[in-house]
Structure formats: C-alpha cells, structure tokens
Amino acid sequence: MRASGRSAFAFFTRTTAEICQAVAQLPDERARSMLRTFTARIDDTRLKDAFSAAVGLQDCATSTRRKPRAAWRDRQDLWRGLPKR
C-alpha cells in the first residue's frame, strides 16, 4: 500500500472515530459543535441533510425549506394567448 493510501485511510478512521465519539456525547454542546463542523465540510446538500438528520442535527439541515412552486406551473391556461405555430 502506498503512503498516500495509508494516510487517507488514517484520516478516514480518525474522522470516523471522532464522529462516533461526538454522537455518543451528543447532549454536550462541544459534541454538537464538532458535528456541525463536520456537517459544514460536506459539499452535497442532500448528503449534508441526511447526515444532519442521522446524527440529530436537524437544525443544521439546509434544504428542509422547500422553494415555493412558481405560480405559472399551477396555471391551466399557461399557453393561452400565445400565437400558434
């Protein structure tokens, strides 16, 4: 195994251990802060929301508020008045 492979695996195992320890101590505010830090490092919004929900940080979820649908999508007469081709 290459040195970079070992360092990546060490990072993964260390990070996993830190997350598990923080989840086990969740009522503690330092643990919540650590989990928020890990959550902020996740780029994908859906994955971030899933992780937040899994560890009990629903207050950190970013896409729980859905955008309202555009008014024109609900209109039945959207194309009325346009010239026919």
Protein backbone atom coordinates (compact mmCIF):
# COMPACT_ATOMS: atom_id res chain seq x y z
CA MET A 1 0.00 0.00 0.00
CA ARG A 2 1.27 3.44 -0.87
CA ALA A 3 1.95 6.08 1.75
CA SER A 4 -0.89 8.28 0.46
CA GLY A 5 -3.28 5.34 0.74
CA ARG A 6 -2.30 4.81 4.35
CA SER A 7 -2.67 8.49 5.18
CA ALA A 8 -6.11 8.60 3.54
CA PHE A 9 -7.17 5.52 5.49
CA ALA A 10 -5.80 7.02 8.70
CA PHE A 11 -7.79 10.19 8.04
CA PHE A 12 -10.93 8.12 7.44
CA THR A 13 -10.52 6.06 10.61
CA ARG A 14 -9.63 9.09 12.75
CA THR A 15 -12.57 11.11 11.39
CA THR A 16 -14.97 8.21 11.86
CA ALA A 17 -13.83 7.73 15.46
CA GLU A 18 -14.27 11.45 16.17
CA ILE A 19 -17.77 11.47 14.68
CA CYS A 20 -18.81 8.36 16.62
CA GLN A 21 -17.45 9.83 19.85
CA ALA A 22 -19.31 13.11 19.23
CA VAL A 23 -22.56 11.26 18.51
CA ALA A 24 -22.17 9.28 21.74
CA GLN A 25 -21.76 12.54 23.68
CA LEU A 26 -24.48 14.43 21.80
CA PRO A 27 -26.13 16.33 24.64
CA ASP A 28 -22.76 18.04 25.10
CA GLU A 29 -22.52 21.36 23.25
CA ARG A 30 -18.89 20.69 22.22
CA ALA A 31 -20.01 17.47 20.55
CA ARG A 32 -22.79 19.33 18.71
CA SER A 33 -20.26 21.94 17.62
CA MET A 34 -17.92 19.25 16.32
CA LEU A 35 -20.74 17.60 14.37
CA ARG A 36 -21.75 20.97 12.92
CA THR A 37 -18.14 21.43 11.78
CA PHE A 38 -18.17 18.03 10.05
CA THR A 39 -21.56 18.84 8.53
CA ALA A 40 -20.28 22.13 7.13
CA ARG A 41 -17.50 20.27 5.31
CA ILE A 42 -19.99 18.20 3.29
CA ASP A 43 -20.47 19.73 -0.17
CA ASP A 44 -23.52 17.80 -1.38
CA THR A 45 -26.73 19.32 0.01
CA ARG A 46 -28.69 16.07 0.11
CA LEU A 47 -25.85 14.23 1.82
CA LYS A 48 -25.44 17.10 4.28
CA ASP A 49 -29.16 16.97 5.12
CA ALA A 50 -29.06 13.19 5.51
CA PHE A 51 -26.03 13.34 7.80
CA SER A 52 -27.62 16.13 9.86
CA ALA A 53 -30.79 14.10 10.30
CA ALA A 54 -28.87 10.91 11.10
CA VAL A 55 -26.85 12.48 13.90
CA GLY A 56 -29.73 14.55 15.26
CA LEU A 57 -28.77 17.99 13.97
CA GLN A 58 -31.96 18.81 12.11
CA ASP A 59 -31.34 22.49 12.89
CA CYS A 60 -28.34 22.30 10.52
CA ALA A 61 -30.34 20.95 7.59
CA THR A 62 -30.07 23.29 4.63
CA SER A 63 -32.75 22.16 2.22
CA THR A 64 -35.58 21.34 4.60
CA ARG A 65 -37.26 24.53 3.49
CA ARG A 66 -38.51 23.89 0.00
CA LYS A 67 -38.87 26.63 -2.54
CA PRO A 68 -42.45 27.54 -3.32
CA ARG A 69 -43.61 26.38 -6.70
CA ALA A 70 -43.74 29.02 -9.35
CA ALA A 71 -47.26 30.34 -9.81
CA TRP A 72 -47.20 29.75 -13.56
CA ARG A 73 -46.73 25.98 -13.05
CA ASP A 74 -50.13 25.68 -11.44
CA ARG A 75 -51.95 27.59 -14.13
CA GLN A 76 -54.04 25.62 -16.59
CA ASP A 77 -54.04 28.44 -19.12
CA LEU A 78 -50.30 28.89 -19.36
CA TRP A 79 -50.19 28.87 -23.17
CA ARG A 80 -53.40 30.84 -23.71
CA GLY A 81 -52.87 33.95 -25.79
CA LEU A 82 -49.64 32.81 -27.44
CA PRO A 83 -49.58 32.61 -31.23
CA LYS A 84 -49.84 29.11 -32.65
CA ARG A 85 -47.04 27.96 -34.88
